[in-house]
PDB file of N, CA and C in Angstrom:
ATOM      1  N   MET A   1      -4.669  22.476 -14.632  1.00  0.00           N
ATOM      2  CA  MET A   1      -3.948  21.392 -13.965  1.00  0.00           C
ATOM      3  C   MET A   1      -4.026  21.560 -12.479  1.00  0.00           C
ATOM      4  N   SER A   2      -4.544  20.546 -11.846  1.00  0.00           N
ATOM      5  CA  SER A   2      -4.717  20.587 -10.353  1.00  0.00           C
ATOM      6  C   SER A   2      -3.439  20.179  -9.635  1.00  0.00           C
ATOM      7  N   THR A   3      -3.344  20.596  -8.410  1.00  0.00           N
ATOM      8  CA  THR A   3      -2.231  20.284  -7.584  1.00  0.00           C
ATOM      9  C   THR A   3      -2.436  18.917  -6.975  1.00  0.00           C
ATOM     10  N   PRO A   4      -1.366  18.110  -6.803  1.00  0.00           N
ATOM     11  CA  PRO A   4      -1.550  16.850  -6.135  1.00  0.00           C
ATOM     12  C   PRO A   4      -1.987  16.997  -4.666  1.00  0.00           C
ATOM     13  N   PRO A   5      -2.738  16.022  -4.200  1.00  0.00           N
ATOM     14  CA  PRO A   5      -3.286  16.189  -2.767  1.00  0.00           C
ATOM     15  C   PRO A   5      -2.046  16.114  -1.769  1.00  0.00           C
ATOM     16  N   THR A   6      -2.265  16.788  -0.713  1.00  0.00           N
ATOM     17  CA  THR A   6      -1.251  16.791   0.324  1.00  0.00           C
ATOM     18  C   THR A   6      -1.380  15.524   1.119  1.00  0.00           C
ATOM     19  N   GLU A   7      -0.312  15.260   1.929  1.00  0.00           N
ATOM     20  CA  GLU A   7      -0.342  13.995   2.818  1.00  0.00           C
ATOM     21  C   GLU A   7      -1.471  14.029   3.723  1.00  0.00           C
ATOM     22  N   LEU A   8      -1.837  15.319   4.290  1.00  0.00           N
ATOM     23  CA  LEU A   8      -2.937  15.429   5.138  1.00  0.00           C
ATOM     24  C   LEU A   8      -4.288  15.065   4.459  1.00  0.00           C
ATOM     25  N   GLU A   9      -4.404  15.538   3.222  1.00  0.00           N
ATOM     26  CA  GLU A   9      -5.626  15.254   2.420  1.00  0.00           C
ATOM     27  C   GLU A   9      -5.723  13.713   2.128  1.00  0.00           C
ATOM     28  N   LEU A  10      -4.601  13.107   1.839  1.00  0.00           N
ATOM     29  CA  LEU A  10      -4.566  11.678   1.600  1.00  0.00           C
ATOM     30  C   LEU A  10      -4.997  10.933   2.838  1.00  0.00           C
ATOM     31  N   PHE A  11      -4.466  11.406   4.001  1.00  0.00           N
ATOM     32  CA  PHE A  11      -4.775  10.709   5.242  1.00  0.00           C
ATOM     33  C   PHE A  11      -6.261  10.864   5.570  1.00  0.00           C
ATOM     34  N   ARG A  12      -6.813  12.069   5.327  1.00  0.00           N
ATOM     35  CA  ARG A  12      -8.182  12.314   5.543  1.00  0.00           C
ATOM     36  C   ARG A  12      -9.093  11.356   4.733  1.00  0.00           C
ATOM     37  N   ASP A  13      -8.719  11.260   3.464  1.00  0.00           N
ATOM     38  CA  ASP A  13      -9.416  10.354   2.569  1.00  0.00           C
ATOM     39  C   ASP A  13      -9.362   8.854   3.025  1.00  0.00           C
ATOM     40  N   PHE A  14      -8.114   8.483   3.506  1.00  0.00           N
ATOM     41  CA  PHE A  14      -7.950   7.184   4.041  1.00  0.00           C
ATOM     42  C   PHE A  14      -8.898   6.957   5.176  1.00  0.00           C
ATOM     43  N   LEU A  15      -8.971   7.900   6.170  1.00  0.00           N
ATOM     44  CA  LEU A  15      -9.765   7.813   7.322  1.00  0.00           C
ATOM     45  C   LEU A  15     -11.285   7.692   6.915  1.00  0.00           C
ATOM     46  N   ILE A  16     -11.682   8.439   5.916  1.00  0.00           N
ATOM     47  CA  ILE A  16     -13.036   8.405   5.476  1.00  0.00           C
ATOM     48  C   ILE A  16     -13.384   6.991   4.949  1.00  0.00           C
ATOM     49  N   GLU A  17     -12.399   6.424   4.189  1.00  0.00           N
ATOM     50  CA  GLU A  17     -12.626   5.049   3.641  1.00  0.00           C
ATOM     51  C   GLU A  17     -12.678   4.067   4.804  1.00  0.00           C
ATOM     52  N   GLU A  18     -11.770   4.197   5.757  1.00  0.00           N
ATOM     53  CA  GLU A  18     -11.796   3.257   6.925  1.00  0.00           C
ATOM     54  C   GLU A  18     -13.030   3.335   7.665  1.00  0.00           C
ATOM     55  N   CYS A  19     -13.590   4.499   7.913  1.00  0.00           N
ATOM     56  CA  CYS A  19     -14.823   4.695   8.638  1.00  0.00           C
ATOM     57  C   CYS A  19     -15.984   4.094   7.847  1.00  0.00           C
ATOM     58  N   ALA A  20     -15.983   4.241   6.524  1.00  0.00           N
ATOM     59  CA  ALA A  20     -16.990   3.758   5.723  1.00  0.00           C
ATOM     60  C   ALA A  20     -17.019   2.168   5.763  1.00  0.00           C
ATOM     61  N   ARG A  21     -15.863   1.584   5.906  1.00  0.00           N
ATOM     62  CA  ARG A  21     -15.749   0.126   6.015  1.00  0.00           C
ATOM     63  C   ARG A  21     -16.004  -0.379   7.438  1.00  0.00           C
ATOM     64  N   GLY A  22     -16.393   0.533   8.360  1.00  0.00           N
ATOM     65  CA  GLY A  22     -16.681   0.091   9.708  1.00  0.00           C
ATOM     66  C   GLY A  22     -15.517  -0.019  10.642  1.00  0.00           C
ATOM     67  N   GLN A  23     -14.362   0.575  10.216  1.00  0.00           N
ATOM     68  CA  GLN A  23     -13.169   0.458  11.045  1.00  0.00           C
ATOM     69  C   GLN A  23     -13.104   1.670  12.009  1.00  0.00           C
ATOM     70  N   THR A  24     -14.081   1.880  12.756  1.00  0.00           N
ATOM     71  CA  THR A  24     -14.116   3.065  13.667  1.00  0.00           C
ATOM     72  C   THR A  24     -13.563   2.740  15.100  1.00  0.00           C
ATOM     73  N   HIS A  25     -13.225   1.513  15.359  1.00  0.00           N
ATOM     74  CA  HIS A  25     -12.788   1.152  16.661  1.00  0.00           C
ATOM     75  C   HIS A  25     -11.293   1.192  16.864  1.00  0.00           C
ATOM     76  N   ILE A  26     -10.517   1.474  15.830  1.00  0.00           N
ATOM     77  CA  ILE A  26      -9.052   1.402  15.960  1.00  0.00           C
ATOM     78  C   ILE A  26      -8.531   2.705  16.481  1.00  0.00           C
ATOM     79  N   SER A  27      -7.326   2.615  17.127  1.00  0.00           N
ATOM     80  CA  SER A  27      -6.706   3.778  17.714  1.00  0.00           C
ATOM     81  C   SER A  27      -6.110   4.685  16.593  1.00  0.00           C
ATOM     82  N   ILE A  28      -5.868   5.876  16.932  1.00  0.00           N
ATOM     83  CA  ILE A  28      -5.238   6.869  16.017  1.00  0.00           C
ATOM     84  C   ILE A  28      -3.852   6.339  15.578  1.00  0.00           C
ATOM     85  N   GLU A  29      -3.121   5.748  16.492  1.00  0.00           N
ATOM     86  CA  GLU A  29      -1.795   5.262  16.185  1.00  0.00           C
ATOM     87  C   GLU A  29      -1.905   4.137  15.173  1.00  0.00           C
ATOM     88  N   LYS A  30      -2.926   3.286  15.273  1.00  0.00           N
ATOM     89  CA  LYS A  30      -3.093   2.109  14.397  1.00  0.00           C
ATOM     90  C   LYS A  30      -3.528   2.632  13.012  1.00  0.00           C
ATOM     91  N   ALA A  31      -4.400   3.611  13.001  1.00  0.00           N
ATOM     92  CA  ALA A  31      -4.826   4.271  11.789  1.00  0.00           C
ATOM     93  C   ALA A  31      -3.613   4.807  11.031  1.00  0.00           C
ATOM     94  N   VAL A  32      -2.744   5.489  11.737  1.00  0.00           N
ATOM     95  CA  VAL A  32      -1.525   6.103  11.068  1.00  0.00           C
ATOM     96  C   VAL A  32      -0.660   4.984  10.512  1.00  0.00           C
ATOM     97  N   ARG A  33      -0.433   3.898  11.294  1.00  0.00           N
ATOM     98  CA  ARG A  33       0.366   2.735  10.783  1.00  0.00           C
ATOM     99  C   ARG A  33      -0.241   2.171   9.551  1.00  0.00           C
ATOM    100  N   ARG A  34      -1.581   1.973   9.536  1.00  0.00           N
ATOM    101  CA  ARG A  34      -2.262   1.385   8.339  1.00  0.00           C
ATOM    102  C   ARG A  34      -2.090   2.331   7.130  1.00  0.00           C
ATOM    103  N   PHE A  35      -2.264   3.653   7.401  1.00  0.00           N
ATOM    104  CA  PHE A  35      -2.065   4.590   6.380  1.00  0.00           C
ATOM    105  C   PHE A  35      -0.671   4.533   5.805  1.00  0.00           C
ATOM    106  N   GLU A  36       0.338   4.415   6.616  1.00  0.00           N
ATOM    107  CA  GLU A  36       1.740   4.384   6.161  1.00  0.00           C
ATOM    108  C   GLU A  36       1.921   3.122   5.427  1.00  0.00           C
ATOM    109  N   GLN A  37       1.385   1.991   5.864  1.00  0.00           N
ATOM    110  CA  GLN A  37       1.536   0.679   5.133  1.00  0.00           C
ATOM    111  C   GLN A  37       0.904   0.772   3.752  1.00  0.00           C
ATOM    112  N   THR A  38      -0.317   1.346   3.739  1.00  0.00           N
ATOM    113  CA  THR A  38      -0.976   1.462   2.480  1.00  0.00           C
ATOM    114  C   THR A  38      -0.216   2.381   1.458  1.00  0.00           C
ATOM    115  N   LYS A  39       0.312   3.453   2.001  1.00  0.00           N
ATOM    116  CA  LYS A  39       1.094   4.348   1.154  1.00  0.00           C
ATOM    117  C   LYS A  39       2.393   3.633   0.664  1.00  0.00           C
ATOM    118  N   ARG A  40       3.051   2.848   1.454  1.00  0.00           N
ATOM    119  CA  ARG A  40       4.292   2.149   0.986  1.00  0.00           C
ATOM    120  C   ARG A  40       3.833   1.102  -0.075  1.00  0.00           C
ATOM    121  N   LEU A  41       2.735   0.439   0.094  1.00  0.00           N
ATOM    122  CA  LEU A  41       2.290  -0.517  -0.880  1.00  0.00           C
ATOM    123  C   LEU A  41       1.971   0.183  -2.164  1.00  0.00           C
ATOM    124  N   LEU A  42       1.299   1.255  -2.164  1.00  0.00           N
ATOM    125  CA  LEU A  42       0.945   1.976  -3.382  1.00  0.00           C
ATOM    126  C   LEU A  42       2.170   2.456  -4.110  1.00  0.00           C
ATOM    127  N   GLU A  43       3.185   2.915  -3.323  1.00  0.00           N
ATOM    128  CA  GLU A  43       4.463   3.323  -3.955  1.00  0.00           C
ATOM    129  C   GLU A  43       5.133   2.145  -4.646  1.00  0.00           C
ATOM    130  N   LYS A  44       5.085   0.981  -3.983  1.00  0.00           N
ATOM    131  CA  LYS A  44       5.685  -0.212  -4.664  1.00  0.00           C
ATOM    132  C   LYS A  44       4.926  -0.568  -5.938  1.00  0.00           C
ATOM    133  N   LEU A  45       3.582  -0.445  -5.874  1.00  0.00           N
ATOM    134  CA  LEU A  45       2.777  -0.738  -7.096  1.00  0.00           C
ATOM    135  C   LEU A  45       3.087   0.288  -8.144  1.00  0.00           C
ATOM    136  N   ASP A  46       3.331   1.537  -7.849  1.00  0.00           N
ATOM    137  CA  ASP A  46       3.667   2.554  -8.881  1.00  0.00           C
ATOM    138  C   ASP A  46       4.973   2.208  -9.495  1.00  0.00           C
ATOM    139  N   ILE A  47       5.952   1.763  -8.686  1.00  0.00           N
ATOM    140  CA  ILE A  47       7.230   1.375  -9.245  1.00  0.00           C
ATOM    141  C   ILE A  47       7.089   0.184 -10.180  1.00  0.00           C
ATOM    142  N   ALA A  48       6.331  -0.843  -9.732  1.00  0.00           N
ATOM    143  CA  ALA A  48       6.136  -2.064 -10.565  1.00  0.00           C
ATOM    144  C   ALA A  48       5.412  -1.750 -11.819  1.00  0.00           C
ATOM    145  N   GLU A  49       4.417  -0.834 -11.785  1.00  0.00           N
ATOM    146  CA  GLU A  49       3.787  -0.421 -12.995  1.00  0.00           C
ATOM    147  C   GLU A  49       4.681   0.250 -13.935  1.00  0.00           C
ATOM    148  N   ALA A  50       5.509   1.163 -13.462  1.00  0.00           N
ATOM    149  CA  ALA A  50       6.447   1.820 -14.380  1.00  0.00           C
ATOM    150  C   ALA A  50       7.443   0.837 -14.931  1.00  0.00           C
ATOM    151  N   GLN A  51       7.927  -0.129 -14.162  1.00  0.00           N
ATOM    152  CA  GLN A  51       8.816  -1.116 -14.734  1.00  0.00           C
ATOM    153  C   GLN A  51       8.151  -1.955 -15.757  1.00  0.00           C
ATOM    154  N   ALA A  52       6.918  -2.319 -15.555  1.00  0.00           N
ATOM    155  CA  ALA A  52       6.173  -3.109 -16.606  1.00  0.00           C
ATOM    156  C   ALA A  52       5.986  -2.300 -17.848  1.00  0.00           C
ATOM    157  N   GLU A  53       5.690  -1.020 -17.733  1.00  0.00           N
ATOM    158  CA  GLU A  53       5.508  -0.143 -18.923  1.00  0.00           C
ATOM    159  C   GLU A  53       6.804  -0.078 -19.660  1.00  0.00           C
ATOM    160  N   ARG A  54       7.972  -0.121 -18.989  1.00  0.00           N
ATOM    161  CA  ARG A  54       9.281  -0.049 -19.656  1.00  0.00           C
ATOM    162  C   ARG A  54       9.693  -1.420 -20.127  1.00  0.00           C
ATOM    163  N   GLY A  55       8.918  -2.509 -19.923  1.00  0.00           N
ATOM    164  CA  GLY A  55       9.287  -3.812 -20.355  1.00  0.00           C
ATOM    165  C   GLY A  55      10.252  -4.442 -19.450  1.00  0.00           C
ATOM    166  N   GLU A  56      10.388  -3.991 -18.161  1.00  0.00           N
ATOM    167  CA  GLU A  56      11.364  -4.555 -17.223  1.00  0.00           C
ATOM    168  C   GLU A  56      10.805  -5.591 -16.297  1.00  0.00           C
ATOM    169  N   CYS A  57       9.717  -6.166 -16.668  1.00  0.00           N
ATOM    170  CA  CYS A  57       9.075  -7.148 -15.836  1.00  0.00           C
ATOM    171  C   CYS A  57       9.486  -8.579 -16.220  1.00  0.00           C
ATOM    172  N   ARG A  58       9.322  -9.520 -15.371  1.00  0.00           N
ATOM    173  CA  ARG A  58       9.677 -10.905 -15.635  1.00  0.00           C
ATOM    174  C   ARG A  58       8.515 -11.791 -15.198  1.00  0.00           C
ATOM    175  N   PRO A  59       8.509 -13.018 -15.724  1.00  0.00           N
ATOM    176  CA  PRO A  59       7.340 -13.911 -15.351  1.00  0.00           C
ATOM    177  C   PRO A  59       7.314 -14.084 -13.840  1.00  0.00           C
ATOM    178  N   LEU A  60       6.077 -14.330 -13.392  1.00  0.00           N
ATOM    179  CA  LEU A  60       5.881 -14.547 -11.944  1.00  0.00           C
ATOM    180  C   LEU A  60       6.317 -15.910 -11.579  1.00  0.00           C
ATOM    181  N   ASN A  61       7.219 -15.962 -10.527  1.00  0.00           N
ATOM    182  CA  ASN A  61       7.677 -17.239 -10.046  1.00  0.00           C
ATOM    183  C   ASN A  61       6.963 -17.432  -8.698  1.00  0.00           C
ATOM    184  N   VAL A  62       5.889 -18.307  -8.747  1.00  0.00           N
ATOM    185  CA  VAL A  62       5.084 -18.578  -7.610  1.00  0.00           C
ATOM    186  C   VAL A  62       5.844 -19.215  -6.428  1.00  0.00           C
ATOM    187  N   ASP A  63       6.711 -20.091  -6.762  1.00  0.00           N
ATOM    188  CA  ASP A  63       7.527 -20.730  -5.688  1.00  0.00           C
ATOM    189  C   ASP A  63       8.372 -19.716  -4.955  1.00  0.00           C
ATOM    190  N   GLU A  64       9.055 -18.814  -5.675  1.00  0.00           N
ATOM    191  CA  GLU A  64       9.846 -17.810  -5.101  1.00  0.00           C
ATOM    192  C   GLU A  64       8.976 -16.935  -4.252  1.00  0.00           C
ATOM    193  N   MET A  65       7.852 -16.547  -4.754  1.00  0.00           N
ATOM    194  CA  MET A  65       6.907 -15.615  -4.038  1.00  0.00           C
ATOM    195  C   MET A  65       6.452 -16.287  -2.725  1.00  0.00           C
ATOM    196  N   MET A  66       6.101 -17.544  -2.796  1.00  0.00           N
ATOM    197  CA  MET A  66       5.647 -18.230  -1.614  1.00  0.00           C
ATOM    198  C   MET A  66       6.702 -18.313  -0.559  1.00  0.00           C
ATOM    199  N   SER A  67       7.926 -18.541  -1.008  1.00  0.00           N
ATOM    200  CA  SER A  67       9.100 -18.652  -0.128  1.00  0.00           C
ATOM    201  C   SER A  67       9.282 -17.293   0.573  1.00  0.00           C
ATOM    202  N   ARG A  68       9.242 -16.192  -0.147  1.00  0.00           N
ATOM    203  CA  ARG A  68       9.385 -14.799   0.422  1.00  0.00           C
ATOM    204  C   ARG A  68       8.260 -14.559   1.435  1.00  0.00           C
ATOM    205  N   ILE A  69       7.078 -14.954   1.103  1.00  0.00           N
ATOM    206  CA  ILE A  69       5.911 -14.718   1.990  1.00  0.00           C
ATOM    207  C   ILE A  69       6.089 -15.524   3.299  1.00  0.00           C
ATOM    208  N   GLU A  70       6.550 -16.753   3.170  1.00  0.00           N
ATOM    209  CA  GLU A  70       6.743 -17.648   4.385  1.00  0.00           C
ATOM    210  C   GLU A  70       7.852 -17.074   5.260  1.00  0.00           C
ATOM    211  N   GLU A  71       8.874 -16.474   4.639  1.00  0.00           N
ATOM    212  CA  GLU A  71       9.995 -15.826   5.420  1.00  0.00           C
ATOM    213  C   GLU A  71       9.422 -14.671   6.216  1.00  0.00           C
ATOM    214  N   ARG A  72       8.703 -13.835   5.555  1.00  0.00           N
ATOM    215  CA  ARG A  72       8.148 -12.621   6.253  1.00  0.00           C
ATOM    216  C   ARG A  72       7.149 -13.040   7.371  1.00  0.00           C
ATOM    217  N   VAL A  73       6.340 -14.106   7.127  1.00  0.00           N
ATOM    218  CA  VAL A  73       5.403 -14.505   8.189  1.00  0.00           C
ATOM    219  C   VAL A  73       6.157 -15.004   9.386  1.00  0.00           C
ATOM    220  N   ALA A  74       7.306 -15.655   9.140  1.00  0.00           N
ATOM    221  CA  ALA A  74       8.046 -16.255  10.259  1.00  0.00           C
ATOM    222  C   ALA A  74       8.741 -15.221  11.081  1.00  0.00           C
ATOM    223  N   MET A  75       8.857 -14.003  10.620  1.00  0.00           N
ATOM    224  CA  MET A  75       9.575 -12.975  11.359  1.00  0.00           C
ATOM    225  C   MET A  75       8.781 -12.517  12.576  1.00  0.00           C
TER     226      MET A  75
END
């Protein structure tokens, strides 16, 4: 059984992927922010996946989703 990757290893892998996509012009601060955003999104996806596996999901309400997106964009 292998040990889970450390946060530093995850960040390294993220940087490798960003560089491979040509994102070599961004600042270190912006790279850290992107990494943190990506990490938060992946955590949310893990939670949603676990909820779906437990049968705790509900049908997608597109109107509600669009409303939430519009609210966030307006901030």
